[in-house]
């Protein structure tokens, strides 16, 4: 077991479970699903769903990868409170 994994198992696992009200792995899966939902929704919605400061980059994107990068930047700009809303 790696040092990080051992540290988690011996010192942090029960604290994260208490803080999140569920095992850490379940919370991480929940967060991954939320991020996937946000990215997919923004990709479907297009440029008008983006913050105005990201629209020029979206318009200039020449590939799906570049569009995805803009959408990821949008998701990254959200706070923990605003993302689920």
Protein backbone atom coordinates (compact mmCIF):
# COMPACT_ATOMS: atom_id res chain seq x y z
CA UNK A 1 0.00 0.00 0.00
CA UNK A 2 1.37 3.42 -0.91
CA UNK A 3 2.15 5.97 1.75
CA UNK A 4 -0.77 8.15 0.67
CA UNK A 5 -3.22 5.23 0.71
CA UNK A 6 -1.95 4.10 4.12
CA UNK A 7 -2.27 7.63 5.48
CA UNK A 8 -5.84 7.82 4.22
CA UNK A 9 -6.83 4.41 5.59
CA UNK A 10 -5.23 4.89 9.00
CA UNK A 11 -5.93 8.55 9.68
CA UNK A 12 -8.48 10.12 7.36
CA UNK A 13 -11.08 7.60 6.15
CA UNK A 14 -13.35 7.80 9.20
CA UNK A 15 -13.13 11.62 9.27
CA UNK A 16 -14.11 11.97 5.62
CA UNK A 17 -16.94 9.50 6.09
CA UNK A 18 -18.19 11.58 9.01
CA UNK A 19 -17.79 14.90 7.16
CA UNK A 20 -19.52 13.74 3.98
CA UNK A 21 -22.07 11.44 5.59
CA UNK A 22 -20.93 8.67 3.26
CA UNK A 23 -17.73 6.81 2.40
CA UNK A 24 -15.17 8.95 0.60
CA UNK A 25 -15.28 6.78 -2.54
CA UNK A 26 -19.04 7.31 -2.77
CA UNK A 27 -18.63 11.08 -2.36
CA UNK A 28 -15.94 11.12 -5.06
CA UNK A 29 -18.23 9.19 -7.41
CA UNK A 30 -21.04 11.66 -6.69
CA UNK A 31 -18.76 14.59 -7.51
CA UNK A 32 -17.52 12.93 -10.73
CA UNK A 33 -21.14 12.44 -11.81
CA UNK A 34 -21.92 16.10 -11.09
CA UNK A 35 -18.92 17.29 -13.11
CA UNK A 36 -19.85 15.00 -16.01
CA UNK A 37 -23.42 16.33 -15.94
CA UNK A 38 -22.20 19.94 -15.95
CA UNK A 39 -19.78 19.39 -18.84
CA UNK A 40 -22.31 17.47 -20.94
CA UNK A 41 -24.99 20.09 -20.31
CA UNK A 42 -22.72 22.95 -21.31
CA UNK A 43 -21.56 21.13 -24.43
CA UNK A 44 -25.21 20.62 -25.45
CA UNK A 45 -26.21 24.20 -24.60
CA UNK A 46 -23.39 25.87 -26.54
CA UNK A 47 -21.87 29.32 -26.27
CA UNK A 48 -24.86 31.12 -24.76
CA UNK A 49 -24.64 28.97 -21.63
CA UNK A 50 -21.09 30.17 -21.01
CA UNK A 51 -20.00 33.18 -19.04
CA UNK A 52 -19.45 36.15 -21.39
CA UNK A 53 -15.69 36.16 -20.80
CA UNK A 54 -15.43 32.59 -22.21
CA UNK A 55 -17.48 33.14 -25.37
CA UNK A 56 -14.60 34.54 -27.48
CA UNK A 57 -12.54 31.41 -26.74
CA UNK A 58 -15.54 29.24 -27.63
CA UNK A 59 -16.02 31.13 -30.89
CA UNK A 60 -12.32 30.78 -31.73
CA UNK A 61 -12.22 27.04 -31.00
CA UNK A 62 -11.22 25.06 -34.08
CA UNK A 63 -11.79 21.56 -32.71
CA UNK A 64 -13.96 19.63 -30.31
CA UNK A 65 -10.99 19.41 -27.97
CA UNK A 66 -10.72 23.21 -27.86
CA UNK A 67 -14.46 23.56 -27.20
CA UNK A 68 -14.15 21.02 -24.41
CA UNK A 69 -11.28 23.04 -22.92
CA UNK A 70 -13.49 26.15 -22.81
CA UNK A 71 -16.31 24.19 -21.20
CA UNK A 72 -13.92 22.75 -18.61
CA UNK A 73 -12.72 26.29 -17.87
CA UNK A 74 -16.36 27.29 -17.30
CA UNK A 75 -16.97 24.38 -14.93
CA UNK A 76 -13.72 25.13 -13.10
CA UNK A 77 -14.87 28.71 -12.53
CA UNK A 78 -17.94 27.55 -10.62
CA UNK A 79 -17.90 27.39 -6.86
CA UNK A 80 -19.00 24.37 -4.88
CA UNK A 81 -22.16 26.25 -3.97
CA UNK A 82 -23.12 27.37 -7.47
CA UNK A 83 -22.44 24.08 -9.28
CA UNK A 84 -25.37 22.04 -7.86
CA UNK A 85 -27.83 24.94 -8.17
